[in-house]
Protein backbone atom coordinates (compact mmCIF):
# COMPACT_ATOMS: atom_id res chain seq x y z
CA MET A 1 44.59 45.86 -20.66
CA ASP A 2 47.54 43.74 -19.56
CA VAL A 3 50.86 45.12 -18.39
CA THR A 4 54.29 43.62 -18.98
CA ASP A 5 56.28 41.98 -16.21
CA ALA A 6 59.76 43.02 -14.98
CA ASN A 7 61.27 41.44 -18.13
CA GLY A 8 58.99 43.42 -20.44
CA GLU A 9 56.96 40.33 -21.33
CA VAL A 10 53.22 39.79 -21.36
CA SER A 11 51.25 36.63 -22.01
CA PHE A 12 47.61 36.22 -22.98
CA THR A 13 45.54 33.06 -22.76
CA GLY A 14 42.08 32.26 -23.99
CA LEU A 15 41.93 35.00 -26.62
CA PRO A 16 39.32 34.46 -29.30
CA LEU A 17 40.49 34.27 -32.90
CA GLY A 18 40.70 37.72 -34.43
CA LEU A 19 42.74 40.83 -35.19
CA TYR A 20 44.58 42.48 -32.28
CA TYR A 21 46.27 45.87 -31.93
CA GLY A 22 49.43 45.93 -29.80
CA VAL A 23 50.68 49.15 -28.19
CA GLU A 24 53.64 49.73 -25.92
CA SER A 25 53.07 52.91 -23.94
CA LYS A 26 56.23 52.82 -21.82
CA ALA A 27 59.61 51.10 -22.22
CA PRO A 28 62.14 50.03 -19.60
CA ALA A 29 64.99 52.46 -18.91
CA GLY A 30 67.43 52.59 -21.83
CA LEU A 31 64.99 51.11 -24.36
CA GLN A 32 62.60 52.70 -26.84
CA THR A 33 58.95 51.82 -27.25
CA VAL A 34 57.96 49.91 -30.36
CA LYS A 35 55.49 51.25 -32.89
CA PRO A 36 51.93 49.94 -32.54
CA PHE A 37 51.36 46.73 -34.48
CA LEU A 38 48.56 44.44 -35.66
CA VAL A 39 48.54 40.68 -35.27
CA THR A 40 45.97 38.07 -36.23
CA LEU A 41 45.21 34.88 -34.34
CA PRO A 42 45.95 32.37 -35.62
CA LEU A 43 48.94 33.07 -37.86
CA SER A 44 49.85 30.80 -40.74
CA ASN A 45 52.94 28.73 -40.01
CA PRO A 46 56.19 29.32 -41.95
CA ALA A 47 55.51 26.31 -44.20
CA GLY A 48 52.05 27.65 -45.06
CA ASP A 49 50.35 24.36 -44.26
CA GLY A 50 49.03 24.94 -40.75
CA TRP A 51 48.33 27.48 -38.02
CA MET A 52 50.29 28.97 -35.13
CA TYR A 53 48.47 29.93 -31.96
CA ARG A 54 51.59 30.74 -29.93
CA PHE A 55 54.28 33.10 -31.14
CA LEU A 56 56.72 35.79 -30.08
CA PRO A 57 56.52 39.09 -31.94
CA VAL A 58 59.89 40.66 -32.72
CA PRO A 59 59.03 44.22 -33.75
CA GLN A 60 62.42 45.52 -34.93
CA GLY A 61 62.71 43.12 -37.84
CA CYS A 62 58.96 42.63 -38.26
CA ARG A 63 59.63 38.90 -38.13
CA TRP A 64 57.77 36.32 -36.07
CA LEU A 65 59.56 33.62 -34.12
CA HIS A 66 57.62 30.37 -34.26
CA GLN A 67 56.94 28.85 -30.82
CA GLY A 68 54.28 26.30 -31.60
CA ALA A 69 51.86 25.14 -34.24
CA ASN A 70 48.25 24.03 -34.03
CA GLY A 71 47.86 25.27 -30.45
CA GLN A 72 50.92 23.38 -29.17
């Protein structure tokens, strides 16, 4: 289990492809925890013609911000 840093961020490297379950058990002061969520690796890119291996989940809008495609 990894824990977020002082900014509330966590980064994983070397994860095998698969389905992952994200849970936030504690939030910084003044913020609420997000509901648990599922994410698959890789994700399809917004154009639907490739794969994303790096991304930033944004739970409130259930949208994904693209950070890189094809492992970049």
